[in-house]
Amino acid sequence: MRPWTESSWQSAGTPAGLEREYVQPEPERAEVDALAGPVLIEFGTPWCGFCRAAQPLIAGAFANHPQVRHVKVEDGSGRRLGRSFGVKLWPTLVFLRDGKEIDHLVRPKDEASIEASFAKIDPVP
């Protein structure tokens, strides 16, 4: 785990640029709502098998979207940010543009569904 700071929300452009660690503590909802541009928030846990299985799919879809910032938020009981986005299962991917939720996916099963959601926040020319 690494501490949350807004600067820790990295831009991703290649699979190597993806966040690998979950931030702790989670950011406040007001901080998320104030973010400009396209952002993917990934809710899950390091021990979740579904979360680990989704990593190659997320990495593949990220390859076409270098402008999107990615943050992995460890979710669980009593975690407010996940509840504010209605997270019930992991991983849940929340796609934001300028702090507003545009789309979300729960337990994505293929790269194409993730790519379709990315296209809604970061259209590829």
N, C-alpha and C. Protein backbone atom coordinates (compact mmCIF):
# COMPACT_ATOMS: atom_id res chain seq x y z
N MET A 1 0.84 -1.17 0.00
CA MET A 1 0.00 0.00 0.00
C MET A 1 0.89 1.23 0.00
N ARG A 2 0.36 2.26 -0.62
CA ARG A 2 1.09 3.51 -0.57
C ARG A 2 0.14 4.62 -0.19
N PRO A 3 0.65 5.70 0.40
CA PRO A 3 -0.23 6.77 0.85
C PRO A 3 -0.86 7.50 -0.32
N TRP A 4 -2.07 7.97 -0.11
CA TRP A 4 -2.80 8.73 -1.12
C TRP A 4 -2.31 10.16 -1.16
N THR A 5 -2.00 10.64 -2.34
CA THR A 5 -1.83 12.06 -2.63
C THR A 5 -2.33 12.23 -4.06
N GLU A 6 -2.83 13.39 -4.39
CA GLU A 6 -3.34 13.57 -5.75
C GLU A 6 -2.25 13.31 -6.77
N SER A 7 -1.01 13.64 -6.45
CA SER A 7 0.07 13.40 -7.40
C SER A 7 0.34 11.91 -7.58
N SER A 8 -0.18 11.08 -6.69
CA SER A 8 0.03 9.64 -6.83
C SER A 8 -0.88 9.04 -7.89
N TRP A 9 -1.84 9.79 -8.38
CA TRP A 9 -2.72 9.29 -9.44
C TRP A 9 -1.96 9.50 -10.74
N GLN A 10 -1.29 8.46 -11.17
CA GLN A 10 -0.39 8.56 -12.31
C GLN A 10 -1.16 8.52 -13.63
N SER A 11 -0.57 9.11 -14.64
CA SER A 11 -1.07 8.92 -15.99
C SER A 11 -0.56 7.57 -16.47
N ALA A 12 -1.41 6.84 -17.12
CA ALA A 12 -1.01 5.53 -17.63
C ALA A 12 -1.01 5.57 -19.14
N GLY A 13 -0.03 4.98 -19.77
CA GLY A 13 0.02 4.96 -21.22
C GLY A 13 0.42 3.59 -21.73
N THR A 14 1.03 2.83 -20.89
CA THR A 14 1.42 1.48 -21.26
C THR A 14 1.09 0.59 -20.08
N PRO A 15 1.04 -0.72 -20.31
CA PRO A 15 0.78 -1.59 -19.17
C PRO A 15 1.76 -1.35 -18.03
N ALA A 16 2.99 -0.97 -18.33
CA ALA A 16 3.97 -0.71 -17.28
C ALA A 16 3.60 0.53 -16.47
N GLY A 17 2.76 1.43 -17.01
CA GLY A 17 2.37 2.64 -16.31
C GLY A 17 1.16 2.47 -15.42
N LEU A 18 0.57 1.31 -15.41
CA LEU A 18 -0.59 1.09 -14.56
C LEU A 18 -0.20 1.10 -13.09
N GLU A 19 -1.16 1.50 -12.27
CA GLU A 19 -0.95 1.40 -10.83
C GLU A 19 -0.88 -0.07 -10.46
N ARG A 20 0.04 -0.41 -9.64
CA ARG A 20 0.18 -1.80 -9.19
C ARG A 20 -0.24 -1.96 -7.73
N GLU A 21 -0.26 -0.86 -7.00
CA GLU A 21 -0.57 -0.90 -5.58
C GLU A 21 -1.85 -0.13 -5.28
N TYR A 22 -2.50 -0.55 -4.22
CA TYR A 22 -3.70 0.14 -3.75
C TYR A 22 -3.28 1.30 -2.86
N VAL A 23 -3.97 2.44 -3.00
CA VAL A 23 -3.66 3.61 -2.16
C VAL A 23 -4.35 3.47 -0.81
N GLN A 24 -3.68 3.99 0.21
CA GLN A 24 -4.20 4.00 1.58
C GLN A 24 -3.81 5.32 2.20
N PRO A 25 -4.58 6.03 2.90
CA PRO A 25 -6.02 5.82 2.96
C PRO A 25 -6.67 6.28 1.66
N GLU A 26 -7.91 5.91 1.49
CA GLU A 26 -8.61 6.29 0.27
C GLU A 26 -8.82 7.80 0.22
N PRO A 27 -8.91 8.36 -0.99
CA PRO A 27 -9.20 9.79 -1.10
C PRO A 27 -10.64 10.09 -0.68
N GLU A 28 -10.89 11.32 -0.36
CA GLU A 28 -12.25 11.76 -0.04
C GLU A 28 -13.05 11.91 -1.34
N ARG A 29 -14.35 11.74 -1.26
CA ARG A 29 -15.20 11.85 -2.45
C ARG A 29 -15.08 13.25 -3.07
N ALA A 30 -14.96 14.28 -2.26
CA ALA A 30 -14.83 15.64 -2.79
C ALA A 30 -13.57 15.78 -3.63
N GLU A 31 -12.49 15.11 -3.25
CA GLU A 31 -11.25 15.14 -4.03
C GLU A 31 -11.45 14.48 -5.39
N VAL A 32 -12.16 13.37 -5.39
CA VAL A 32 -12.44 12.66 -6.64
C VAL A 32 -13.33 13.51 -7.54
N ASP A 33 -14.36 14.10 -6.97
CA ASP A 33 -15.29 14.93 -7.75
C ASP A 33 -14.62 16.15 -8.36
N ALA A 34 -13.50 16.59 -7.78
CA ALA A 34 -12.80 17.78 -8.27
C ALA A 34 -11.76 17.46 -9.35
N LEU A 35 -11.52 16.19 -9.64
CA LEU A 35 -10.50 15.83 -10.63
C LEU A 35 -10.92 16.21 -12.04
N ALA A 36 -9.98 16.76 -12.79
CA ALA A 36 -10.24 17.13 -14.18
C ALA A 36 -9.77 16.00 -15.09
N GLY A 37 -10.44 15.85 -16.22
CA GLY A 37 -10.03 14.89 -17.23
C GLY A 37 -10.51 13.48 -16.94
N PRO A 38 -10.04 12.52 -17.76
CA PRO A 38 -10.47 11.14 -17.62
C PRO A 38 -9.70 10.41 -16.51
N VAL A 39 -10.43 9.66 -15.71
CA VAL A 39 -9.85 8.91 -14.59
C VAL A 39 -10.56 7.56 -14.49
N LEU A 40 -9.79 6.52 -14.22
CA LEU A 40 -10.35 5.21 -13.88
C LEU A 40 -10.03 4.94 -12.42
N ILE A 41 -11.07 4.69 -11.63
CA ILE A 41 -10.88 4.25 -10.26
C ILE A 41 -11.22 2.76 -10.23
N GLU A 42 -10.27 1.98 -9.75
CA GLU A 42 -10.44 0.53 -9.65
C GLU A 42 -10.57 0.16 -8.18
N PHE A 43 -11.72 -0.36 -7.79
CA PHE A 43 -11.96 -0.79 -6.43
C PHE A 43 -11.73 -2.29 -6.32
N GLY A 44 -11.00 -2.71 -5.30
CA GLY A 44 -10.75 -4.13 -5.09
C GLY A 44 -9.87 -4.33 -3.87
N THR A 45 -9.21 -5.48 -3.80
CA THR A 45 -8.26 -5.78 -2.73
C THR A 45 -7.10 -6.58 -3.32
N PRO A 46 -5.95 -6.56 -2.66
CA PRO A 46 -4.81 -7.32 -3.18
C PRO A 46 -5.03 -8.83 -3.16
N TRP A 47 -5.88 -9.33 -2.27
CA TRP A 47 -6.08 -10.77 -2.13
C TRP A 47 -7.26 -11.30 -2.95
N CYS A 48 -7.97 -10.44 -3.66
CA CYS A 48 -9.15 -10.82 -4.44
C CYS A 48 -8.74 -11.52 -5.74
N GLY A 49 -9.17 -12.76 -5.91
CA GLY A 49 -8.85 -13.50 -7.13
C GLY A 49 -9.45 -12.88 -8.38
N PHE A 50 -10.67 -12.37 -8.28
CA PHE A 50 -11.29 -11.71 -9.44
C PHE A 50 -10.50 -10.47 -9.83
N CYS A 51 -9.99 -9.74 -8.82
CA CYS A 51 -9.20 -8.53 -9.08
C CYS A 51 -7.90 -8.88 -9.79
N ARG A 52 -7.24 -9.91 -9.32
CA ARG A 52 -5.98 -10.33 -9.95
C ARG A 52 -6.23 -10.82 -11.38
N ALA A 53 -7.31 -11.55 -11.59
CA ALA A 53 -7.61 -12.06 -12.93
C ALA A 53 -7.92 -10.95 -13.92
N ALA A 54 -8.44 -9.82 -13.44
CA ALA A 54 -8.80 -8.71 -14.32
C ALA A 54 -7.60 -7.86 -14.73
N GLN A 55 -6.46 -7.99 -14.06
CA GLN A 55 -5.32 -7.11 -14.32
C GLN A 55 -4.83 -7.15 -15.78
N PRO A 56 -4.68 -8.31 -16.41
CA PRO A 56 -4.24 -8.30 -17.81
C PRO A 56 -5.26 -7.65 -18.75
N LEU A 57 -6.54 -7.79 -18.43
CA LEU A 57 -7.59 -7.16 -19.25
C LEU A 57 -7.52 -5.65 -19.13
N ILE A 58 -7.36 -5.16 -17.91
CA ILE A 58 -7.26 -3.72 -17.68
C ILE A 58 -6.01 -3.17 -18.36
N ALA A 59 -4.90 -3.86 -18.22
CA ALA A 59 -3.64 -3.42 -18.83
C ALA A 59 -3.77 -3.35 -20.35
N GLY A 60 -4.40 -4.33 -20.95
CA GLY A 60 -4.57 -4.33 -22.40
C GLY A 60 -5.41 -3.16 -22.88
N ALA A 61 -6.49 -2.86 -22.16
CA ALA A 61 -7.35 -1.75 -22.55
C ALA A 61 -6.66 -0.40 -22.32
N PHE A 62 -5.84 -0.30 -21.29
CA PHE A 62 -5.13 0.94 -20.99
C PHE A 62 -4.15 1.33 -22.08
N ALA A 63 -3.66 0.38 -22.84
CA ALA A 63 -2.63 0.65 -23.84
C ALA A 63 -3.04 1.74 -24.84
N ASN A 64 -4.32 1.88 -25.12
CA ASN A 64 -4.82 2.87 -26.09
C ASN A 64 -5.24 4.18 -25.45
N HIS A 65 -5.03 4.33 -24.14
CA HIS A 65 -5.54 5.52 -23.45
C HIS A 65 -4.49 6.14 -22.52
N PRO A 66 -3.45 6.75 -23.11
CA PRO A 66 -2.37 7.30 -22.29
C PRO A 66 -2.77 8.51 -21.45
N GLN A 67 -3.90 9.14 -21.74
CA GLN A 67 -4.31 10.33 -20.98
C GLN A 67 -5.09 9.98 -19.71
N VAL A 68 -5.50 8.74 -19.56
CA VAL A 68 -6.35 8.37 -18.43
C VAL A 68 -5.50 8.11 -17.18
N ARG A 69 -5.90 8.74 -16.09
CA ARG A 69 -5.24 8.47 -14.81
C ARG A 69 -5.90 7.25 -14.17
N HIS A 70 -5.11 6.45 -13.48
CA HIS A 70 -5.57 5.20 -12.89
C HIS A 70 -5.23 5.20 -11.41
N VAL A 71 -6.20 4.82 -10.60
CA VAL A 71 -5.93 4.65 -9.18
C VAL A 71 -6.65 3.40 -8.71
N LYS A 72 -5.94 2.63 -7.90
CA LYS A 72 -6.51 1.43 -7.30
C LYS A 72 -6.81 1.76 -5.85
N VAL A 73 -8.08 1.60 -5.48
CA VAL A 73 -8.51 1.91 -4.12
C VAL A 73 -8.89 0.60 -3.44
N GLU A 74 -8.21 0.31 -2.33
CA GLU A 74 -8.58 -0.88 -1.57
C GLU A 74 -9.92 -0.64 -0.92
N ASP A 75 -10.85 -1.54 -1.19
CA ASP A 75 -12.22 -1.40 -0.70
C ASP A 75 -12.47 -2.40 0.42
N GLY A 76 -13.50 -2.17 1.18
CA GLY A 76 -13.87 -3.09 2.25
C GLY A 76 -14.90 -2.45 3.15
N SER A 77 -15.26 -3.17 4.17
CA SER A 77 -16.25 -2.71 5.12
C SER A 77 -15.83 -1.37 5.72
N GLY A 78 -16.77 -0.45 5.76
CA GLY A 78 -16.50 0.86 6.35
C GLY A 78 -15.75 1.84 5.47
N ARG A 79 -15.49 1.48 4.23
CA ARG A 79 -14.79 2.37 3.31
C ARG A 79 -15.81 3.21 2.56
N ARG A 80 -15.79 4.48 2.80
CA ARG A 80 -16.83 5.38 2.29
C ARG A 80 -16.80 5.61 0.79
N LEU A 81 -15.60 5.69 0.21
CA LEU A 81 -15.53 6.02 -1.22
C LEU A 81 -16.21 4.94 -2.05
N GLY A 82 -15.93 3.69 -1.76
CA GLY A 82 -16.58 2.60 -2.49
C GLY A 82 -18.09 2.63 -2.33
N ARG A 83 -18.56 2.90 -1.12
CA ARG A 83 -20.01 2.95 -0.90
C ARG A 83 -20.64 4.10 -1.67
N SER A 84 -19.91 5.22 -1.78
CA SER A 84 -20.46 6.37 -2.50
C SER A 84 -20.64 6.09 -4.00
N PHE A 85 -19.87 5.10 -4.51
CA PHE A 85 -20.02 4.69 -5.90
C PHE A 85 -20.84 3.41 -6.04
N GLY A 86 -21.43 2.92 -4.97
CA GLY A 86 -22.27 1.74 -5.02
C GLY A 86 -21.52 0.43 -5.22
N VAL A 87 -20.25 0.38 -4.81
CA VAL A 87 -19.44 -0.83 -4.99
C VAL A 87 -19.94 -1.93 -4.06
N LYS A 88 -20.21 -3.10 -4.65
CA LYS A 88 -20.64 -4.27 -3.87
C LYS A 88 -19.78 -5.49 -4.17
N LEU A 89 -19.24 -5.58 -5.38
CA LEU A 89 -18.38 -6.69 -5.78
C LEU A 89 -17.08 -6.14 -6.33
N TRP A 90 -16.03 -6.95 -6.29
CA TRP A 90 -14.72 -6.55 -6.80
C TRP A 90 -14.32 -7.40 -7.98
N PRO A 91 -13.54 -6.86 -8.88
CA PRO A 91 -13.24 -5.44 -8.98
C PRO A 91 -14.42 -4.68 -9.58
N THR A 92 -14.56 -3.45 -9.15
CA THR A 92 -15.49 -2.53 -9.79
C THR A 92 -14.65 -1.40 -10.38
N LEU A 93 -14.85 -1.14 -11.66
CA LEU A 93 -14.14 -0.08 -12.36
C LEU A 93 -15.10 1.08 -12.56
N VAL A 94 -14.71 2.26 -12.11
CA VAL A 94 -15.53 3.46 -12.26
C VAL A 94 -14.79 4.41 -13.19
N PHE A 95 -15.43 4.76 -14.28
CA PHE A 95 -14.85 5.62 -15.32
C PHE A 95 -15.41 7.03 -15.14
N LEU A 96 -14.52 7.99 -14.90
CA LEU A 96 -14.92 9.38 -14.63
C LEU A 96 -14.37 10.31 -15.69
N ARG A 97 -15.10 11.37 -15.95
CA ARG A 97 -14.60 12.49 -16.74
C ARG A 97 -14.97 13.74 -15.97
N ASP A 98 -13.93 14.53 -15.65
CA ASP A 98 -14.12 15.77 -14.90
C ASP A 98 -14.91 15.54 -13.62
N GLY A 99 -14.58 14.46 -12.91
CA GLY A 99 -15.19 14.17 -11.61
C GLY A 99 -16.57 13.57 -11.65
N LYS A 100 -17.11 13.34 -12.82
CA LYS A 100 -18.46 12.78 -12.96
C LYS A 100 -18.39 11.35 -13.47
N GLU A 101 -19.17 10.46 -12.84
CA GLU A 101 -19.19 9.07 -13.28
C GLU A 101 -19.88 8.97 -14.64
N ILE A 102 -19.17 8.37 -15.60
CA ILE A 102 -19.70 8.18 -16.94
C ILE A 102 -20.12 6.73 -17.14
N ASP A 103 -19.36 5.80 -16.57
CA ASP A 103 -19.67 4.38 -16.72
C ASP A 103 -19.02 3.61 -15.58
N HIS A 104 -19.47 2.38 -15.38
CA HIS A 104 -18.81 1.50 -14.44
C HIS A 104 -18.98 0.06 -14.90
N LEU A 105 -18.02 -0.76 -14.52
CA LEU A 105 -18.06 -2.19 -14.83
C LEU A 105 -17.80 -2.96 -13.55
N VAL A 106 -18.52 -4.06 -13.39
CA VAL A 106 -18.32 -4.93 -12.25
C VAL A 106 -17.81 -6.27 -12.76
N ARG A 107 -16.68 -6.70 -12.25
CA ARG A 107 -16.04 -7.96 -12.64
C ARG A 107 -15.99 -8.13 -14.16
N PRO A 108 -15.27 -7.24 -14.84
CA PRO A 108 -15.20 -7.33 -16.30
C PRO A 108 -14.60 -8.67 -16.73
N LYS A 109 -15.17 -9.22 -17.79
CA LYS A 109 -14.75 -10.53 -18.25
C LYS A 109 -13.92 -10.50 -19.52
N ASP A 110 -13.86 -9.33 -20.18
CA ASP A 110 -13.08 -9.24 -21.41
C ASP A 110 -12.55 -7.82 -21.60
N GLU A 111 -11.50 -7.74 -22.38
CA GLU A 111 -10.86 -6.45 -22.64
C GLU A 111 -11.77 -5.52 -23.44
N ALA A 112 -12.61 -6.08 -24.32
CA ALA A 112 -13.48 -5.26 -25.16
C ALA A 112 -14.47 -4.44 -24.33
N SER A 113 -15.00 -5.00 -23.26
CA SER A 113 -15.95 -4.24 -22.44
C SER A 113 -15.24 -3.09 -21.71
N ILE A 114 -14.01 -3.32 -21.29
CA ILE A 114 -13.24 -2.26 -20.64
C ILE A 114 -12.91 -1.17 -21.67
N GLU A 115 -12.50 -1.58 -22.86
CA GLU A 115 -12.19 -0.63 -23.93
C GLU A 115 -13.41 0.23 -24.27
N ALA A 116 -14.59 -0.38 -24.31
CA ALA A 116 -15.81 0.38 -24.63
C ALA A 116 -16.07 1.44 -23.57
N SER A 117 -15.81 1.12 -22.32
CA SER A 117 -15.99 2.12 -21.25
C SER A 117 -14.91 3.20 -21.32
N PHE A 118 -13.68 2.83 -21.62
CA PHE A 118 -12.62 3.82 -21.81
C PHE A 118 -13.01 4.79 -22.92
N ALA A 119 -13.57 4.29 -24.00
CA ALA A 119 -13.94 5.15 -25.14
C ALA A 119 -14.95 6.23 -24.75
N LYS A 120 -15.73 5.98 -23.72
CA LYS A 120 -16.72 6.97 -23.28
C LYS A 120 -16.07 8.15 -22.54
N ILE A 121 -14.89 7.92 -21.95
CA ILE A 121 -14.22 9.01 -21.22
C ILE A 121 -13.00 9.53 -21.94
N ASP A 122 -12.48 8.74 -22.90
CA ASP A 122 -11.26 9.12 -23.60
C ASP A 122 -11.32 8.58 -25.03
N PRO A 123 -12.11 9.24 -25.89
CA PRO A 123 -12.23 8.73 -27.26
C PRO A 123 -10.88 8.74 -27.98
N VAL A 124 -10.57 7.65 -28.64
CA VAL A 124 -9.33 7.54 -29.42
C VAL A 124 -9.59 8.14 -30.79
N PRO A 125 -8.73 9.10 -31.22
CA PRO A 125 -8.97 9.75 -32.53
C PRO A 125 -8.82 8.78 -33.69
